[in-house]
Amino acid sequence: MSADTLVVQKSARKKLHKLPAQVHRKIIIRLRVIKENPLVGAKLHGELSGFYKLRVGDYRIVYEFDSKSKTVIVLKIEHRQGVYR
């Protein structure tokens, strides 16, 4: 199952543009993977139940997938140390 739409929230987009070019490129590649297969990430638990994460080196992409509208919404792109705070 693939997503029809991938939306990157403003805060995640800002963070992405501040990252080093090499990390930025890797994350863009992983965003394409998420769009092709939204369930590729690991399910999160607790307060973040219903969301998924995908590891990209020391960074994490936190997103949700709406299967009805086939939309992926990227909420956060953060370093692993601060992503779940």
PDB file of N, CA and C in Angstrom:
ATOM      1  N   MET A   1       0.852  -1.179   0.000  1.00  0.00           N
ATOM      2  CA  MET A   1       0.000   0.000   0.000  1.00  0.00           C
ATOM      3  C   MET A   1       0.892   1.234   0.000  1.00  0.00           C
ATOM      4  N   SER A   2       0.620   2.153  -0.872  1.00  0.00           N
ATOM      5  CA  SER A   2       1.386   3.402  -0.904  1.00  0.00           C
ATOM      6  C   SER A   2       0.473   4.567  -0.548  1.00  0.00           C
ATOM      7  N   ALA A   3       1.089   5.664  -0.170  1.00  0.00           N
ATOM      8  CA  ALA A   3       0.338   6.875   0.174  1.00  0.00           C
ATOM      9  C   ALA A   3       0.186   7.736  -1.076  1.00  0.00           C
ATOM     10  N   ASP A   4      -0.959   8.393  -1.179  1.00  0.00           N
ATOM     11  CA  ASP A   4      -1.174   9.329  -2.284  1.00  0.00           C
ATOM     12  C   ASP A   4      -0.517  10.676  -1.998  1.00  0.00           C
ATOM     13  N   THR A   5      -0.466  11.022  -0.703  1.00  0.00           N
ATOM     14  CA  THR A   5       0.021  12.344  -0.305  1.00  0.00           C
ATOM     15  C   THR A   5       1.002  12.219   0.852  1.00  0.00           C
ATOM     16  N   LEU A   6       2.062  13.016   0.813  1.00  0.00           N
ATOM     17  CA  LEU A   6       3.006  13.111   1.918  1.00  0.00           C
ATOM     18  C   LEU A   6       3.070  14.581   2.317  1.00  0.00           C
ATOM     19  N   VAL A   7       2.713  14.856   3.568  1.00  0.00           N
ATOM     20  CA  VAL A   7       2.706  16.224   4.084  1.00  0.00           C
ATOM     21  C   VAL A   7       3.780  16.327   5.162  1.00  0.00           C
ATOM     22  N   VAL A   8       4.673  17.290   5.025  1.00  0.00           N
ATOM     23  CA  VAL A   8       5.701  17.528   6.038  1.00  0.00           C
ATOM     24  C   VAL A   8       5.323  18.815   6.758  1.00  0.00           C
ATOM     25  N   GLN A   9       5.035  18.686   8.063  1.00  0.00           N
ATOM     26  CA  GLN A   9       4.632  19.869   8.816  1.00  0.00           C
ATOM     27  C   GLN A   9       5.752  20.901   8.840  1.00  0.00           C
ATOM     28  N   LYS A  10       5.357  22.151   9.023  1.00  0.00           N
ATOM     29  CA  LYS A  10       6.281  23.282   8.937  1.00  0.00           C
ATOM     30  C   LYS A  10       7.494  23.127   9.855  1.00  0.00           C
ATOM     31  N   SER A  11       7.274  22.707  11.101  1.00  0.00           N
ATOM     32  CA  SER A  11       8.388  22.574  12.048  1.00  0.00           C
ATOM     33  C   SER A  11       9.373  21.497  11.589  1.00  0.00           C
ATOM     34  N   ALA A  12       8.864  20.409  11.042  1.00  0.00           N
ATOM     35  CA  ALA A  12       9.735  19.344  10.534  1.00  0.00           C
ATOM     36  C   ALA A  12      10.489  19.812   9.294  1.00  0.00           C
ATOM     37  N   ARG A  13       9.823  20.573   8.450  1.00  0.00           N
ATOM     38  CA  ARG A  13      10.461  21.105   7.235  1.00  0.00           C
ATOM     39  C   ARG A  13      11.606  22.049   7.599  1.00  0.00           C
ATOM     40  N   LYS A  14      11.383  22.906   8.612  1.00  0.00           N
ATOM     41  CA  LYS A  14      12.435  23.830   9.059  1.00  0.00           C
ATOM     42  C   LYS A  14      13.645  23.058   9.569  1.00  0.00           C
ATOM     43  N   LYS A  15      13.370  22.031  10.377  1.00  0.00           N
ATOM     44  CA  LYS A  15      14.452  21.218  10.926  1.00  0.00           C
ATOM     45  C   LYS A  15      15.230  20.529   9.804  1.00  0.00           C
ATOM     46  N   LEU A  16      14.518  20.020   8.830  1.00  0.00           N
ATOM     47  CA  LEU A  16      15.149  19.334   7.705  1.00  0.00           C
ATOM     48  C   LEU A  16      16.105  20.256   6.957  1.00  0.00           C
ATOM     49  N   HIS A  17      15.710  21.484   6.730  1.00  0.00           N
ATOM     50  CA  HIS A  17      16.545  22.429   5.978  1.00  0.00           C
ATOM     51  C   HIS A  17      17.779  22.887   6.761  1.00  0.00           C
ATOM     52  N   LYS A  18      17.763  22.720   8.086  1.00  0.00           N
ATOM     53  CA  LYS A  18      18.909  23.113   8.912  1.00  0.00           C
ATOM     54  C   LYS A  18      19.955  22.001   9.032  1.00  0.00           C
ATOM     55  N   LEU A  19      19.618  20.812   8.595  1.00  0.00           N
ATOM     56  CA  LEU A  19      20.523  19.675   8.746  1.00  0.00           C
ATOM     57  C   LEU A  19      21.645  19.722   7.709  1.00  0.00           C
ATOM     58  N   PRO A  20      22.767  19.057   8.021  1.00  0.00           N
ATOM     59  CA  PRO A  20      23.855  18.964   7.040  1.00  0.00           C
ATOM     60  C   PRO A  20      23.352  18.308   5.748  1.00  0.00           C
ATOM     61  N   ALA A  21      23.942  18.675   4.630  1.00  0.00           N
ATOM     62  CA  ALA A  21      23.487  18.211   3.310  1.00  0.00           C
ATOM     63  C   ALA A  21      23.411  16.690   3.209  1.00  0.00           C
ATOM     64  N   GLN A  22      24.393  16.007   3.761  1.00  0.00           N
ATOM     65  CA  GLN A  22      24.412  14.546   3.669  1.00  0.00           C
ATOM     66  C   GLN A  22      23.221  13.931   4.408  1.00  0.00           C
ATOM     67  N   VAL A  23      22.921  14.438   5.597  1.00  0.00           N
ATOM     68  CA  VAL A  23      21.787  13.946   6.383  1.00  0.00           C
ATOM     69  C   VAL A  23      20.483  14.315   5.677  1.00  0.00           C
ATOM     70  N   HIS A  24      20.418  15.523   5.161  1.00  0.00           N
ATOM     71  CA  HIS A  24      19.240  16.003   4.434  1.00  0.00           C
ATOM     72  C   HIS A  24      18.902  15.054   3.276  1.00  0.00           C
ATOM     73  N   ARG A  25      19.908  14.682   2.495  1.00  0.00           N
ATOM     74  CA  ARG A  25      19.693  13.777   1.355  1.00  0.00           C
ATOM     75  C   ARG A  25      19.173  12.415   1.810  1.00  0.00           C
ATOM     76  N   LYS A  26      19.758  11.883   2.885  1.00  0.00           N
ATOM     77  CA  LYS A  26      19.327  10.576   3.394  1.00  0.00           C
ATOM     78  C   LYS A  26      17.872  10.621   3.856  1.00  0.00           C
ATOM     79  N   ILE A  27      17.492  11.713   4.507  1.00  0.00           N
ATOM     80  CA  ILE A  27      16.115  11.835   4.987  1.00  0.00           C
ATOM     81  C   ILE A  27      15.143  11.954   3.817  1.00  0.00           C
ATOM     82  N   ILE A  28      15.502  12.698   2.787  1.00  0.00           N
ATOM     83  CA  ILE A  28      14.649  12.813   1.599  1.00  0.00           C
ATOM     84  C   ILE A  28      14.419  11.428   0.982  1.00  0.00           C
ATOM     85  N   ILE A  29      15.467  10.636   0.905  1.00  0.00           N
ATOM     86  CA  ILE A  29      15.339   9.275   0.372  1.00  0.00           C
ATOM     87  C   ILE A  29      14.377   8.461   1.228  1.00  0.00           C
ATOM     88  N   ARG A  30      14.512   8.572   2.548  1.00  0.00           N
ATOM     89  CA  ARG A  30      13.640   7.808   3.453  1.00  0.00           C
ATOM     90  C   ARG A  30      12.194   8.301   3.387  1.00  0.00           C
ATOM     91  N   LEU A  31      11.986   9.590   3.153  1.00  0.00           N
ATOM     92  CA  LEU A  31      10.619  10.102   2.997  1.00  0.00           C
ATOM     93  C   LEU A  31       9.961   9.482   1.764  1.00  0.00           C
ATOM     94  N   ARG A  32      10.725   9.288   0.713  1.00  0.00           N
ATOM     95  CA  ARG A  32      10.189   8.620  -0.487  1.00  0.00           C
ATOM     96  C   ARG A  32       9.813   7.172  -0.172  1.00  0.00           C
ATOM     97  N   VAL A  33      10.640   6.512   0.638  1.00  0.00           N
ATOM     98  CA  VAL A  33      10.348   5.133   1.052  1.00  0.00           C
ATOM     99  C   VAL A  33       9.054   5.100   1.863  1.00  0.00           C
ATOM    100  N   ILE A  34       8.898   6.054   2.781  1.00  0.00           N
ATOM    101  CA  ILE A  34       7.679   6.120   3.595  1.00  0.00           C
ATOM    102  C   ILE A  34       6.455   6.321   2.706  1.00  0.00           C
ATOM    103  N   LYS A  35       6.568   7.162   1.702  1.00  0.00           N
ATOM    104  CA  LYS A  35       5.427   7.395   0.807  1.00  0.00           C
ATOM    105  C   LYS A  35       5.060   6.122   0.049  1.00  0.00           C
ATOM    106  N   GLU A  36       6.049   5.361  -0.363  1.00  0.00           N
ATOM    107  CA  GLU A  36       5.793   4.106  -1.082  1.00  0.00           C
ATOM    108  C   GLU A  36       5.240   3.016  -0.171  1.00  0.00           C
ATOM    109  N   ASN A  37       5.696   3.004   1.085  1.00  0.00           N
ATOM    110  CA  ASN A  37       5.254   1.987   2.041  1.00  0.00           C
ATOM    111  C   ASN A  37       5.124   2.626   3.422  1.00  0.00           C
ATOM    112  N   PRO A  38       3.980   3.237   3.723  1.00  0.00           N
ATOM    113  CA  PRO A  38       3.811   3.975   4.978  1.00  0.00           C
ATOM    114  C   PRO A  38       3.964   3.130   6.244  1.00  0.00           C
ATOM    115  N   LEU A  39       3.843   1.823   6.124  1.00  0.00           N
ATOM    116  CA  LEU A  39       3.934   0.969   7.306  1.00  0.00           C
ATOM    117  C   LEU A  39       5.349   0.447   7.538  1.00  0.00           C
ATOM    118  N   VAL A  40       6.329   1.008   6.836  1.00  0.00           N
ATOM    119  CA  VAL A  40       7.720   0.574   6.953  1.00  0.00           C
ATOM    120  C   VAL A  40       8.306   0.908   8.330  1.00  0.00           C
ATOM    121  N   GLY A  41       7.836   1.958   8.955  1.00  0.00           N
ATOM    122  CA  GLY A  41       8.367   2.382  10.246  1.00  0.00           C
ATOM    123  C   GLY A  41       7.856   1.528  11.394  1.00  0.00           C
ATOM    124  N   ALA A  42       8.502   1.668  12.534  1.00  0.00           N
ATOM    125  CA  ALA A  42       8.088   0.953  13.742  1.00  0.00           C
ATOM    126  C   ALA A  42       6.966   1.727  14.426  1.00  0.00           C
ATOM    127  N   LYS A  43       5.977   0.994  14.932  1.00  0.00           N
ATOM    128  CA  LYS A  43       4.879   1.634  15.657  1.00  0.00           C
ATOM    129  C   LYS A  43       5.391   2.148  16.997  1.00  0.00           C
ATOM    130  N   LEU A  44       4.921   3.319  17.368  1.00  0.00           N
ATOM    131  CA  LEU A  44       5.275   3.883  18.666  1.00  0.00           C
ATOM    132  C   LEU A  44       4.198   3.523  19.681  1.00  0.00           C
ATOM    133  N   HIS A  45       4.569   3.594  20.957  1.00  0.00           N
ATOM    134  CA  HIS A  45       3.665   3.197  22.033  1.00  0.00           C
ATOM    135  C   HIS A  45       3.507   4.334  23.029  1.00  0.00           C
ATOM    136  N   GLY A  46       2.636   4.135  23.997  1.00  0.00           N
ATOM    137  CA  GLY A  46       2.430   5.136  25.045  1.00  0.00           C
ATOM    138  C   GLY A  46       1.752   6.376  24.508  1.00  0.00           C
ATOM    139  N   GLU A  47       2.270   7.538  24.880  1.00  0.00           N
ATOM    140  CA  GLU A  47       1.684   8.810  24.452  1.00  0.00           C
ATOM    141  C   GLU A  47       1.707   8.978  22.940  1.00  0.00           C
ATOM    142  N   LEU A  48       2.628   8.315  22.281  1.00  0.00           N
ATOM    143  CA  LEU A  48       2.762   8.438  20.826  1.00  0.00           C
ATOM    144  C   LEU A  48       2.117   7.269  20.082  1.00  0.00           C
ATOM    145  N   SER A  49       1.247   6.558  20.762  1.00  0.00           N
ATOM    146  CA  SER A  49       0.536   5.449  20.141  1.00  0.00           C
ATOM    147  C   SER A  49      -0.223   5.946  18.914  1.00  0.00           C
ATOM    148  N   GLY A  50      -0.140   5.202  17.830  1.00  0.00           N
ATOM    149  CA  GLY A  50      -0.788   5.608  16.587  1.00  0.00           C
ATOM    150  C   GLY A  50       0.168   6.260  15.607  1.00  0.00           C
ATOM    151  N   PHE A  51       1.374   6.551  16.077  1.00  0.00           N
ATOM    152  CA  PHE A  51       2.390   7.154  15.222  1.00  0.00           C
ATOM    153  C   PHE A  51       3.449   6.109  14.888  1.00  0.00           C
ATOM    154  N   TYR A  52       4.274   6.429  13.911  1.00  0.00           N
ATOM    155  CA  TYR A  52       5.365   5.557  13.489  1.00  0.00           C
ATOM    156  C   TYR A  52       6.672   6.336  13.544  1.00  0.00           C
ATOM    157  N   LYS A  53       7.777   5.588  13.641  1.00  0.00           N
ATOM    158  CA  LYS A  53       9.101   6.218  13.572  1.00  0.00           C
ATOM    159  C   LYS A  53       9.940   5.474  12.550  1.00  0.00           C
ATOM    160  N   LEU A  54      10.833   6.218  11.937  1.00  0.00           N
ATOM    161  CA  LEU A  54      11.789   5.613  11.022  1.00  0.00           C
ATOM    162  C   LEU A  54      13.156   6.200  11.339  1.00  0.00           C
ATOM    163  N   ARG A  55      14.125   5.324  11.512  1.00  0.00           N
ATOM    164  CA  ARG A  55      15.483   5.722  11.871  1.00  0.00           C
ATOM    165  C   ARG A  55      16.268   6.077  10.613  1.00  0.00           C
ATOM    166  N   VAL A  56      16.973   7.209  10.691  1.00  0.00           N
ATOM    167  CA  VAL A  56      17.886   7.632   9.623  1.00  0.00           C
ATOM    168  C   VAL A  56      19.166   8.066  10.325  1.00  0.00           C
ATOM    169  N   GLY A  57      20.096   7.135  10.516  1.00  0.00           N
ATOM    170  CA  GLY A  57      21.308   7.431  11.279  1.00  0.00           C
ATOM    171  C   GLY A  57      20.941   7.818  12.700  1.00  0.00           C
ATOM    172  N   ASP A  58      21.406   8.983  13.144  1.00  0.00           N
ATOM    173  CA  ASP A  58      21.101   9.463  14.495  1.00  0.00           C
ATOM    174  C   ASP A  58      19.801  10.259  14.547  1.00  0.00           C
ATOM    175  N   TYR A  59      19.084  10.324  13.451  1.00  0.00           N
ATOM    176  CA  TYR A  59      17.843  11.099  13.384  1.00  0.00           C
ATOM    177  C   TYR A  59      16.641  10.173  13.284  1.00  0.00           C
ATOM    178  N   ARG A  60      15.491  10.694  13.688  1.00  0.00           N
ATOM    179  CA  ARG A  60      14.247   9.947  13.619  1.00  0.00           C
ATOM    180  C   ARG A  60      13.205  10.772  12.883  1.00  0.00           C
ATOM    181  N   ILE A  61      12.416  10.100  12.073  1.00  0.00           N
ATOM    182  CA  ILE A  61      11.261  10.708  11.423  1.00  0.00           C
ATOM    183  C   ILE A  61      10.043  10.150  12.146  1.00  0.00           C
ATOM    184  N   VAL A  62       9.227  11.017  12.716  1.00  0.00           N
ATOM    185  CA  VAL A  62       7.993  10.598  13.382  1.00  0.00           C
ATOM    186  C   VAL A  62       6.839  11.032  12.489  1.00  0.00           C
ATOM    187  N   TYR A  63       5.965  10.075  12.186  1.00  0.00           N
ATOM    188  CA  TYR A  63       4.880  10.375  11.254  1.00  0.00           C
ATOM    189  C   TYR A  63       3.639   9.572  11.598  1.00  0.00           C
ATOM    190  N   GLU A  64       2.527   9.978  11.003  1.00  0.00           N
ATOM    191  CA  GLU A  64       1.296   9.212  11.117  1.00  0.00           C
ATOM    192  C   GLU A  64       0.787   8.912   9.715  1.00  0.00           C
ATOM    193  N   PHE A  65      -0.005   7.849   9.622  1.00  0.00           N
ATOM    194  CA  PHE A  65      -0.561   7.451   8.333  1.00  0.00           C
ATOM    195  C   PHE A  65      -2.063   7.306   8.464  1.00  0.00           C
ATOM    196  N   ASP A  66      -2.786   8.039   7.636  1.00  0.00           N
ATOM    197  CA  ASP A  66      -4.243   7.937   7.580  1.00  0.00           C
ATOM    198  C   ASP A  66      -4.581   7.031   6.401  1.00  0.00           C
ATOM    199  N   SER A  67      -4.985   5.808   6.706  1.00  0.00           N
ATOM    200  CA  SER A  67      -5.232   4.832   5.637  1.00  0.00           C
ATOM    201  C   SER A  67      -6.465   5.171   4.803  1.00  0.00           C
ATOM    202  N   LYS A  68      -7.419   5.885   5.390  1.00  0.00           N
ATOM    203  CA  LYS A  68      -8.625   6.251   4.634  1.00  0.00           C
ATOM    204  C   LYS A  68      -8.296   7.241   3.519  1.00  0.00           C
ATOM    205  N   SER A  69      -7.525   8.272   3.849  1.00  0.00           N
ATOM    206  CA  SER A  69      -7.173   9.280   2.841  1.00  0.00           C
ATOM    207  C   SER A  69      -5.831   8.983   2.167  1.00  0.00           C
ATOM    208  N   LYS A  70      -5.173   7.917   2.621  1.00  0.00           N
ATOM    209  CA  LYS A  70      -3.847   7.527   2.110  1.00  0.00           C
ATOM    210  C   LYS A  70      -2.866   8.701   2.187  1.00  0.00           C
ATOM    211  N   THR A  71      -2.824   9.307   3.368  1.00  0.00           N
ATOM    212  CA  THR A  71      -1.964  10.466   3.596  1.00  0.00           C
ATOM    213  C   THR A  71      -0.965  10.174   4.704  1.00  0.00           C
ATOM    214  N   VAL A  72       0.289  10.497   4.458  1.00  0.00           N
ATOM    215  CA  VAL A  72       1.338  10.434   5.476  1.00  0.00           C
ATOM    216  C   VAL A  72       1.595  11.862   5.935  1.00  0.00           C
ATOM    217  N   ILE A  73       1.594  12.064   7.256  1.00  0.00           N
ATOM    218  CA  ILE A  73       1.889  13.379   7.823  1.00  0.00           C
ATOM    219  C   ILE A  73       3.145  13.248   8.671  1.00  0.00           C
ATOM    220  N   VAL A  74       4.204  13.926   8.263  1.00  0.00           N
ATOM    221  CA  VAL A  74       5.465  13.910   9.006  1.00  0.00           C
ATOM    222  C   VAL A  74       5.387  14.995  10.071  1.00  0.00           C
ATOM    223  N   LEU A  75       5.456  14.572  11.331  1.00  0.00           N
ATOM    224  CA  LEU A  75       5.322  15.491  12.453  1.00  0.00           C
ATOM    225  C   LEU A  75       6.659  16.038  12.924  1.00  0.00           C
ATOM    226  N   LYS A  76       7.659  15.159  12.978  1.00  0.00           N
ATOM    227  CA  LYS A  76       8.964  15.563  13.511  1.00  0.00           C
ATOM    228  C   LYS A  76      10.089  14.927  12.721  1.00  0.00           C
ATOM    229  N   ILE A  77      11.155  15.669  12.601  1.00  0.00           N
ATOM    230  CA  ILE A  77      12.441  15.157  12.139  1.00  0.00           C
ATOM    231  C   ILE A  77      13.432  15.721  13.145  1.00  0.00           C
ATOM    232  N   GLU A  78      13.922  14.861  14.013  1.00  0.00           N
ATOM    233  CA  GLU A  78      14.767  15.311  15.127  1.00  0.00           C
ATOM    234  C   GLU A  78      15.900  14.328  15.375  1.00  0.00           C
ATOM    235  N   HIS A  79      16.917  14.813  16.075  1.00  0.00           N
ATOM    236  CA  HIS A  79      17.988  13.946  16.562  1.00  0.00           C
ATOM    237  C   HIS A  79      17.379  12.975  17.564  1.00  0.00           C
ATOM    238  N   ARG A  80      17.904  11.788  17.632  1.00  0.00           N
ATOM    239  CA  ARG A  80      17.325  10.744  18.478  1.00  0.00           C
ATOM    240  C   ARG A  80      17.241  11.132  19.950  1.00  0.00           C
ATOM    241  N   GLN A  81      18.135  12.006  20.407  1.00  0.00           N
ATOM    242  CA  GLN A  81      18.136  12.380  21.823  1.00  0.00           C
ATOM    243  C   GLN A  81      16.951  13.250  22.214  1.00  0.00           C
ATOM    244  N   GLY A  82      16.377  13.987  21.275  1.00  0.00           N
ATOM    245  CA  GLY A  82      15.313  14.906  21.644  1.00  0.00           C
ATOM    246  C   GLY A  82      13.984  14.660  20.971  1.00  0.00           C
ATOM    247  N   VAL A  83      13.889  13.604  20.194  1.00  0.00           N
ATOM    248  CA  VAL A  83      12.695  13.427  19.369  1.00  0.00           C
ATOM    249  C   VAL A  83      11.440  13.102  20.168  1.00  0.00           C
ATOM    250  N   TYR A  84      11.538  12.410  21.279  1.00  0.00           N
ATOM    251  CA  TYR A  84      10.341  11.970  21.994  1.00  0.00           C
ATOM    252  C   TYR A  84       9.967  12.885  23.142  1.00  0.00           C
ATOM    253  N   ARG A  85      10.609  14.028  23.233  1.00  0.00           N
ATOM    254  CA  ARG A  85      10.319  14.960  24.335  1.00  0.00           C
ATOM    255  C   ARG A  85       9.199  15.884  23.973  1.00  0.00           C
TER     256      ARG A  85
END
